[in-house]
Amino acid sequence: MSGLPNRIFDEALSLPVDERILLVDQLLCSLNLPLQPDIERAWQEEAERRVTQIEQGEVNLIPAEEVFRLIRERYKR
């Protein structure tokens, strides 16, 4: 990337995370990618299954800080 795309990218990085997420979503939608309803449906079902598991106490959640600590330990970063 050079010129204008670089400047836009730098500006985008200065946005708060939630605004960057919205920008990425808008850019992806602007590409008019073909929809894949079967894949979308499968992801939705998986997300709902996981939420149900959490709500019913079937899984043990690990706080993100702990996950990142374990990763840093493992890879010594």
PDB file of N, CA and C in Angstrom:
ATOM      1  N   MET A   1       0.851  -1.185   0.000  1.00  0.00           N
ATOM      2  CA  MET A   1       0.000   0.000   0.000  1.00  0.00           C
ATOM      3  C   MET A   1       0.889   1.237   0.000  1.00  0.00           C
ATOM      4  N   SER A   2       0.383   2.252  -0.657  1.00  0.00           N
ATOM      5  CA  SER A   2       1.114   3.509  -0.630  1.00  0.00           C
ATOM      6  C   SER A   2       0.133   4.663  -0.755  1.00  0.00           C
ATOM      7  N   GLY A   3       0.609   5.838  -0.436  1.00  0.00           N
ATOM      8  CA  GLY A   3      -0.208   7.033  -0.597  1.00  0.00           C
ATOM      9  C   GLY A   3      -1.475   7.038   0.216  1.00  0.00           C
ATOM     10  N   LEU A   4      -2.572   7.257  -0.463  1.00  0.00           N
ATOM     11  CA  LEU A   4      -3.869   7.387   0.185  1.00  0.00           C
ATOM     12  C   LEU A   4      -4.250   6.164   1.027  1.00  0.00           C
ATOM     13  N   PRO A   5      -4.089   4.922   0.511  1.00  0.00           N
ATOM     14  CA  PRO A   5      -4.443   3.770   1.353  1.00  0.00           C
ATOM     15  C   PRO A   5      -3.659   3.736   2.671  1.00  0.00           C
ATOM     16  N   ASN A   6      -2.384   4.100   2.630  1.00  0.00           N
ATOM     17  CA  ASN A   6      -1.590   4.135   3.863  1.00  0.00           C
ATOM     18  C   ASN A   6      -2.111   5.176   4.833  1.00  0.00           C
ATOM     19  N   ARG A   7      -2.462   6.338   4.312  1.00  0.00           N
ATOM     20  CA  ARG A   7      -2.985   7.396   5.190  1.00  0.00           C
ATOM     21  C   ARG A   7      -4.311   6.981   5.809  1.00  0.00           C
ATOM     22  N   ILE A   8      -5.174   6.350   4.998  1.00  0.00           N
ATOM     23  CA  ILE A   8      -6.464   5.888   5.516  1.00  0.00           C
ATOM     24  C   ILE A   8      -6.242   4.822   6.587  1.00  0.00           C
ATOM     25  N   PHE A   9      -5.322   3.897   6.319  1.00  0.00           N
ATOM     26  CA  PHE A   9      -5.017   2.848   7.287  1.00  0.00           C
ATOM     27  C   PHE A   9      -4.523   3.454   8.598  1.00  0.00           C
ATOM     28  N   ASP A  10      -3.590   4.398   8.512  1.00  0.00           N
ATOM     29  CA  ASP A  10      -3.072   5.044   9.723  1.00  0.00           C
ATOM     30  C   ASP A  10      -4.179   5.750  10.494  1.00  0.00           C
ATOM     31  N   GLU A  11      -5.066   6.423   9.775  1.00  0.00           N
ATOM     32  CA  GLU A  11      -6.200   7.099  10.427  1.00  0.00           C
ATOM     33  C   GLU A  11      -7.111   6.076  11.106  1.00  0.00           C
ATOM     34  N   ALA A  12      -7.360   4.960  10.409  1.00  0.00           N
ATOM     35  CA  ALA A  12      -8.241   3.929  10.965  1.00  0.00           C
ATOM     36  C   ALA A  12      -7.667   3.359  12.247  1.00  0.00           C
ATOM     37  N   LEU A  13      -6.351   3.190  12.310  1.00  0.00           N
ATOM     38  CA  LEU A  13      -5.727   2.653  13.519  1.00  0.00           C
ATOM     39  C   LEU A  13      -5.909   3.565  14.730  1.00  0.00           C
ATOM     40  N   SER A  14      -6.149   4.843  14.480  1.00  0.00           N
ATOM     41  CA  SER A  14      -6.334   5.774  15.593  1.00  0.00           C
ATOM     42  C   SER A  14      -7.757   5.733  16.155  1.00  0.00           C
ATOM     43  N   LEU A  15      -8.658   5.025  15.476  1.00  0.00           N
ATOM     44  CA  LEU A  15     -10.046   4.929  15.940  1.00  0.00           C
ATOM     45  C   LEU A  15     -10.140   3.973  17.126  1.00  0.00           C
ATOM     46  N   PRO A  16     -11.153   4.162  17.970  1.00  0.00           N
ATOM     47  CA  PRO A  16     -11.412   3.176  19.029  1.00  0.00           C
ATOM     48  C   PRO A  16     -11.766   1.827  18.403  1.00  0.00           C
ATOM     49  N   VAL A  17     -11.532   0.767  19.139  1.00  0.00           N
ATOM     50  CA  VAL A  17     -11.741  -0.583  18.624  1.00  0.00           C
ATOM     51  C   VAL A  17     -13.138  -0.782  18.066  1.00  0.00           C
ATOM     52  N   ASP A  18     -14.166  -0.334  18.771  1.00  0.00           N
ATOM     53  CA  ASP A  18     -15.525  -0.568  18.287  1.00  0.00           C
ATOM     54  C   ASP A  18     -15.779   0.122  16.947  1.00  0.00           C
ATOM     55  N   GLU A  19     -15.187   1.291  16.740  1.00  0.00           N
ATOM     56  CA  GLU A  19     -15.357   1.974  15.464  1.00  0.00           C
ATOM     57  C   GLU A  19     -14.567   1.283  14.358  1.00  0.00           C
ATOM     58  N   ARG A  20     -13.399   0.725  14.696  1.00  0.00           N
ATOM     59  CA  ARG A  20     -12.632  -0.033  13.700  1.00  0.00           C
ATOM     60  C   ARG A  20     -13.391  -1.271  13.267  1.00  0.00           C
ATOM     61  N   ILE A  21     -14.056  -1.935  14.219  1.00  0.00           N
ATOM     62  CA  ILE A  21     -14.844  -3.120  13.885  1.00  0.00           C
ATOM     63  C   ILE A  21     -15.962  -2.754  12.915  1.00  0.00           C
ATOM     64  N   LEU A  22     -16.651  -1.664  13.192  1.00  0.00           N
ATOM     65  CA  LEU A  22     -17.715  -1.219  12.289  1.00  0.00           C
ATOM     66  C   LEU A  22     -17.158  -0.885  10.906  1.00  0.00           C
ATOM     67  N   LEU A  23     -15.998  -0.242  10.865  1.00  0.00           N
ATOM     68  CA  LEU A  23     -15.377   0.106   9.588  1.00  0.00           C
ATOM     69  C   LEU A  23     -15.018  -1.147   8.796  1.00  0.00           C
ATOM     70  N   VAL A  24     -14.429  -2.125   9.463  1.00  0.00           N
ATOM     71  CA  VAL A  24     -14.077  -3.382   8.794  1.00  0.00           C
ATOM     72  C   VAL A  24     -15.330  -4.050   8.251  1.00  0.00           C
ATOM     73  N   ASP A  25     -16.379  -4.076   9.055  1.00  0.00           N
ATOM     74  CA  ASP A  25     -17.630  -4.694   8.607  1.00  0.00           C
ATOM     75  C   ASP A  25     -18.170  -3.981   7.368  1.00  0.00           C
ATOM     76  N   GLN A  26     -18.143  -2.661   7.384  1.00  0.00           N
ATOM     77  CA  GLN A  26     -18.633  -1.901   6.234  1.00  0.00           C
ATOM     78  C   GLN A  26     -17.778  -2.161   4.993  1.00  0.00           C
ATOM     79  N   LEU A  27     -16.466  -2.215   5.174  1.00  0.00           N
ATOM     80  CA  LEU A  27     -15.588  -2.478   4.033  1.00  0.00           C
ATOM     81  C   LEU A  27     -15.832  -3.872   3.458  1.00  0.00           C
ATOM     82  N   LEU A  28     -15.983  -4.858   4.338  1.00  0.00           N
ATOM     83  CA  LEU A  28     -16.238  -6.217   3.862  1.00  0.00           C
ATOM     84  C   LEU A  28     -17.575  -6.295   3.131  1.00  0.00           C
ATOM     85  N   CYS A  29     -18.583  -5.641   3.666  1.00  0.00           N
ATOM     86  CA  CYS A  29     -19.897  -5.636   2.997  1.00  0.00           C
ATOM     87  C   CYS A  29     -19.813  -4.957   1.637  1.00  0.00           C
ATOM     88  N   SER A  30     -18.948  -3.951   1.515  1.00  0.00           N
ATOM     89  CA  SER A  30     -18.835  -3.231   0.242  1.00  0.00           C
ATOM     90  C   SER A  30     -18.236  -4.096  -0.861  1.00  0.00           C
ATOM     91  N   LEU A  31     -17.597  -5.206  -0.494  1.00  0.00           N
ATOM     92  CA  LEU A  31     -16.995  -6.086  -1.495  1.00  0.00           C
ATOM     93  C   LEU A  31     -18.031  -6.952  -2.199  1.00  0.00           C
ATOM     94  N   ASN A  32     -19.243  -6.991  -1.645  1.00  0.00           N
ATOM     95  CA  ASN A  32     -20.320  -7.793  -2.223  1.00  0.00           C
ATOM     96  C   ASN A  32     -19.906  -9.249  -2.423  1.00  0.00           C
ATOM     97  N   LEU A  33     -19.270  -9.802  -1.411  1.00  0.00           N
ATOM     98  CA  LEU A  33     -18.859 -11.198  -1.488  1.00  0.00           C
ATOM     99  C   LEU A  33     -20.090 -12.084  -1.555  1.00  0.00           C
ATOM    100  N   PRO A  34     -19.992 -13.206  -2.243  1.00  0.00           N
ATOM    101  CA  PRO A  34     -21.152 -14.099  -2.293  1.00  0.00           C
ATOM    102  C   PRO A  34     -21.485 -14.626  -0.900  1.00  0.00           C
ATOM    103  N   LEU A  35     -22.751 -14.666  -0.616  1.00  0.00           N
ATOM    104  CA  LEU A  35     -23.197 -15.170   0.679  1.00  0.00           C
ATOM    105  C   LEU A  35     -23.111 -16.693   0.683  1.00  0.00           C
ATOM    106  N   GLN A  36     -22.792 -17.218   1.831  1.00  0.00           N
ATOM    107  CA  GLN A  36     -22.728 -18.666   1.987  1.00  0.00           C
ATOM    108  C   GLN A  36     -23.655 -19.051   3.132  1.00  0.00           C
ATOM    109  N   PRO A  37     -24.958 -19.137   2.829  1.00  0.00           N
ATOM    110  CA  PRO A  37     -25.949 -19.360   3.882  1.00  0.00           C
ATOM    111  C   PRO A  37     -25.687 -20.606   4.717  1.00  0.00           C
ATOM    112  N   ASP A  38     -25.200 -21.673   4.110  1.00  0.00           N
ATOM    113  CA  ASP A  38     -24.950 -22.891   4.881  1.00  0.00           C
ATOM    114  C   ASP A  38     -23.864 -22.666   5.934  1.00  0.00           C
ATOM    115  N   ILE A  39     -22.822 -21.955   5.545  1.00  0.00           N
ATOM    116  CA  ILE A  39     -21.736 -21.677   6.481  1.00  0.00           C
ATOM    117  C   ILE A  39     -22.211 -20.725   7.576  1.00  0.00           C
ATOM    118  N   GLU A  40     -22.933 -19.673   7.180  1.00  0.00           N
ATOM    119  CA  GLU A  40     -23.467 -18.727   8.165  1.00  0.00           C
ATOM    120  C   GLU A  40     -24.371 -19.441   9.169  1.00  0.00           C
ATOM    121  N   ARG A  41     -25.228 -20.314   8.674  1.00  0.00           N
ATOM    122  CA  ARG A  41     -26.149 -21.061   9.533  1.00  0.00           C
ATOM    123  C   ARG A  41     -25.359 -21.959  10.495  1.00  0.00           C
ATOM    124  N   ALA A  42     -24.332 -22.617   9.991  1.00  0.00           N
ATOM    125  CA  ALA A  42     -23.521 -23.504  10.832  1.00  0.00           C
ATOM    126  C   ALA A  42     -22.830 -22.717  11.940  1.00  0.00           C
ATOM    127  N   TRP A  43     -22.282 -21.530  11.611  1.00  0.00           N
ATOM    128  CA  TRP A  43     -21.646 -20.708  12.636  1.00  0.00           C
ATOM    129  C   TRP A  43     -22.665 -20.221  13.672  1.00  0.00           C
ATOM    130  N   GLN A  44     -23.848 -19.857  13.208  1.00  0.00           N
ATOM    131  CA  GLN A  44     -24.883 -19.403  14.138  1.00  0.00           C
ATOM    132  C   GLN A  44     -25.269 -20.525  15.092  1.00  0.00           C
ATOM    133  N   GLU A  45     -25.437 -21.727  14.555  1.00  0.00           N
ATOM    134  CA  GLU A  45     -25.788 -22.870  15.403  1.00  0.00           C
ATOM    135  C   GLU A  45     -24.680 -23.170  16.403  1.00  0.00           C
ATOM    136  N   GLU A  46     -23.428 -23.075  15.954  1.00  0.00           N
ATOM    137  CA  GLU A  46     -22.291 -23.326  16.850  1.00  0.00           C
ATOM    138  C   GLU A  46     -22.246 -22.294  17.966  1.00  0.00           C
ATOM    139  N   ALA A  47     -22.453 -21.031  17.622  1.00  0.00           N
ATOM    140  CA  ALA A  47     -22.451 -19.971  18.631  1.00  0.00           C
ATOM    141  C   ALA A  47     -23.568 -20.196  19.649  1.00  0.00           C
ATOM    142  N   GLU A  48     -24.744 -20.547  19.161  1.00  0.00           N
ATOM    143  CA  GLU A  48     -25.869 -20.804  20.069  1.00  0.00           C
ATOM    144  C   GLU A  48     -25.596 -22.011  20.960  1.00  0.00           C
ATOM    145  N   ARG A  49     -24.971 -23.050  20.402  1.00  0.00           N
ATOM    146  CA  ARG A  49     -24.629 -24.237  21.188  1.00  0.00           C
ATOM    147  C   ARG A  49     -23.655 -23.872  22.306  1.00  0.00           C
ATOM    148  N   ARG A  50     -22.674 -23.051  21.975  1.00  0.00           N
ATOM    149  CA  ARG A  50     -21.680 -22.656  22.984  1.00  0.00           C
ATOM    150  C   ARG A  50     -22.295 -21.786  24.073  1.00  0.00           C
ATOM    151  N   VAL A  51     -23.188 -20.877  23.680  1.00  0.00           N
ATOM    152  CA  VAL A  51     -23.858 -20.037  24.682  1.00  0.00           C
ATOM    153  C   VAL A  51     -24.665 -20.920  25.626  1.00  0.00           C
ATOM    154  N   THR A  52     -25.368 -21.894  25.080  1.00  0.00           N
ATOM    155  CA  THR A  52     -26.158 -22.807  25.906  1.00  0.00           C
ATOM    156  C   THR A  52     -25.258 -23.567  26.870  1.00  0.00           C
ATOM    157  N   GLN A  53     -24.119 -24.054  26.393  1.00  0.00           N
ATOM    158  CA  GLN A  53     -23.182 -24.768  27.260  1.00  0.00           C
ATOM    159  C   GLN A  53     -22.708 -23.882  28.406  1.00  0.00           C
ATOM    160  N   ILE A  54     -22.437 -22.622  28.106  1.00  0.00           N
ATOM    161  CA  ILE A  54     -21.989 -21.691  29.144  1.00  0.00           C
ATOM    162  C   ILE A  54     -23.105 -21.455  30.151  1.00  0.00           C
ATOM    163  N   GLU A  55     -24.304 -21.175  29.643  1.00  0.00           N
ATOM    164  CA  GLU A  55     -25.436 -20.888  30.531  1.00  0.00           C
ATOM    165  C   GLU A  55     -25.789 -22.072  31.421  1.00  0.00           C
ATOM    166  N   GLN A  56     -25.578 -23.283  30.929  1.00  0.00           N
ATOM    167  CA  GLN A  56     -25.912 -24.477  31.705  1.00  0.00           C
ATOM    168  C   GLN A  56     -24.744 -24.972  32.551  1.00  0.00           C
ATOM    169  N   GLY A  57     -23.637 -24.226  32.526  1.00  0.00           N
ATOM    170  CA  GLY A  57     -22.482 -24.591  33.342  1.00  0.00           C
ATOM    171  C   GLY A  57     -21.770 -25.853  32.869  1.00  0.00           C
ATOM    172  N   GLU A  58     -21.875 -26.172  31.596  1.00  0.00           N
ATOM    173  CA  GLU A  58     -21.256 -27.388  31.066  1.00  0.00           C
ATOM    174  C   GLU A  58     -19.785 -27.197  30.715  1.00  0.00           C
ATOM    175  N   VAL A  59     -19.331 -25.965  30.677  1.00  0.00           N
ATOM    176  CA  VAL A  59     -17.937 -25.694  30.328  1.00  0.00           C
ATOM    177  C   VAL A  59     -17.311 -24.789  31.379  1.00  0.00           C
ATOM    178  N   ASN A  60     -16.005 -24.905  31.518  1.00  0.00           N
ATOM    179  CA  ASN A  60     -15.270 -24.033  32.427  1.00  0.00           C
ATOM    180  C   ASN A  60     -14.623 -22.927  31.604  1.00  0.00           C
ATOM    181  N   LEU A  61     -14.966 -21.703  31.926  1.00  0.00           N
ATOM    182  CA  LEU A  61     -14.406 -20.570  31.193  1.00  0.00           C
ATOM    183  C   LEU A  61     -13.100 -20.141  31.841  1.00  0.00           C
ATOM    184  N   ILE A  62     -12.170 -19.702  31.014  1.00  0.00           N
ATOM    185  CA  ILE A  62     -10.876 -19.220  31.497  1.00  0.00           C
ATOM    186  C   ILE A  62     -10.778 -17.747  31.125  1.00  0.00           C
ATOM    187  N   PRO A  63     -10.489 -16.885  32.104  1.00  0.00           N
ATOM    188  CA  PRO A  63     -10.363 -15.459  31.793  1.00  0.00           C
ATOM    189  C   PRO A  63      -9.264 -15.230  30.751  1.00  0.00           C
ATOM    190  N   ALA A  64      -9.469 -14.250  29.888  1.00  0.00           N
ATOM    191  CA  ALA A  64      -8.522 -13.961  28.822  1.00  0.00           C
ATOM    192  C   ALA A  64      -7.114 -13.707  29.356  1.00  0.00           C
ATOM    193  N   GLU A  65      -7.019 -13.003  30.488  1.00  0.00           N
ATOM    194  CA  GLU A  65      -5.702 -12.706  31.051  1.00  0.00           C
ATOM    195  C   GLU A  65      -4.928 -13.996  31.334  1.00  0.00           C
ATOM    196  N   GLU A  66      -5.627 -15.004  31.827  1.00  0.00           N
ATOM    197  CA  GLU A  66      -4.993 -16.291  32.125  1.00  0.00           C
ATOM    198  C   GLU A  66      -4.563 -16.988  30.836  1.00  0.00           C
ATOM    199  N   VAL A  67      -5.410 -16.952  29.833  1.00  0.00           N
ATOM    200  CA  VAL A  67      -5.077 -17.571  28.543  1.00  0.00           C
ATOM    201  C   VAL A  67      -3.819 -16.925  27.973  1.00  0.00           C
ATOM    202  N   PHE A  68      -3.772 -15.594  27.960  1.00  0.00           N
ATOM    203  CA  PHE A  68      -2.613 -14.898  27.400  1.00  0.00           C
ATOM    204  C   PHE A  68      -1.363 -15.160  28.225  1.00  0.00           C
ATOM    205  N   ARG A  69      -1.509 -15.259  29.543  1.00  0.00           N
ATOM    206  CA  ARG A  69      -0.360 -15.572  30.397  1.00  0.00           C
ATOM    207  C   ARG A  69       0.194 -16.943  30.035  1.00  0.00           C
ATOM    208  N   LEU A  70      -0.695 -17.915  29.863  1.00  0.00           N
ATOM    209  CA  LEU A  70      -0.264 -19.271  29.506  1.00  0.00           C
ATOM    210  C   LEU A  70       0.421 -19.296  28.137  1.00  0.00           C
ATOM    211  N   ILE A  71      -0.096 -18.532  27.206  1.00  0.00           N
ATOM    212  CA  ILE A  71       0.517 -18.465  25.875  1.00  0.00           C
ATOM    213  C   ILE A  71       1.910 -17.849  25.972  1.00  0.00           C
ATOM    214  N   ARG A  72       2.020 -16.736  26.712  1.00  0.00           N
ATOM    215  CA  ARG A  72       3.330 -16.098  26.862  1.00  0.00           C
ATOM    216  C   ARG A  72       4.319 -17.044  27.519  1.00  0.00           C
ATOM    217  N   GLU A  73       3.861 -17.762  28.549  1.00  0.00           N
ATOM    218  CA  GLU A  73       4.730 -18.738  29.218  1.00  0.00           C
ATOM    219  C   GLU A  73       5.204 -19.795  28.244  1.00  0.00           C
ATOM    220  N   ARG A  74       4.264 -20.316  27.490  1.00  0.00           N
ATOM    221  CA  ARG A  74       4.591 -21.401  26.563  1.00  0.00           C
ATOM    222  C   ARG A  74       5.580 -20.968  25.482  1.00  0.00           C
ATOM    223  N   TYR A  75       5.396 -19.755  24.967  1.00  0.00           N
ATOM    224  CA  TYR A  75       6.237 -19.293  23.869  1.00  0.00           C
ATOM    225  C   TYR A  75       7.275 -18.262  24.307  1.00  0.00           C
ATOM    226  N   LYS A  76       7.348 -18.027  25.605  1.00  0.00           N
ATOM    227  CA  LYS A  76       8.341 -17.113  26.197  1.00  0.00           C
ATOM    228  C   LYS A  76       8.409 -15.774  25.495  1.00  0.00           C
ATOM    229  N   ARG A  77       7.251 -15.125  25.340  1.00  0.00           N
ATOM    230  CA  ARG A  77       7.210 -13.793  24.722  1.00  0.00           C
ATOM    231  C   ARG A  77       6.859 -12.765  25.740  1.00  0.00           C
TER     232      ARG A  77
END
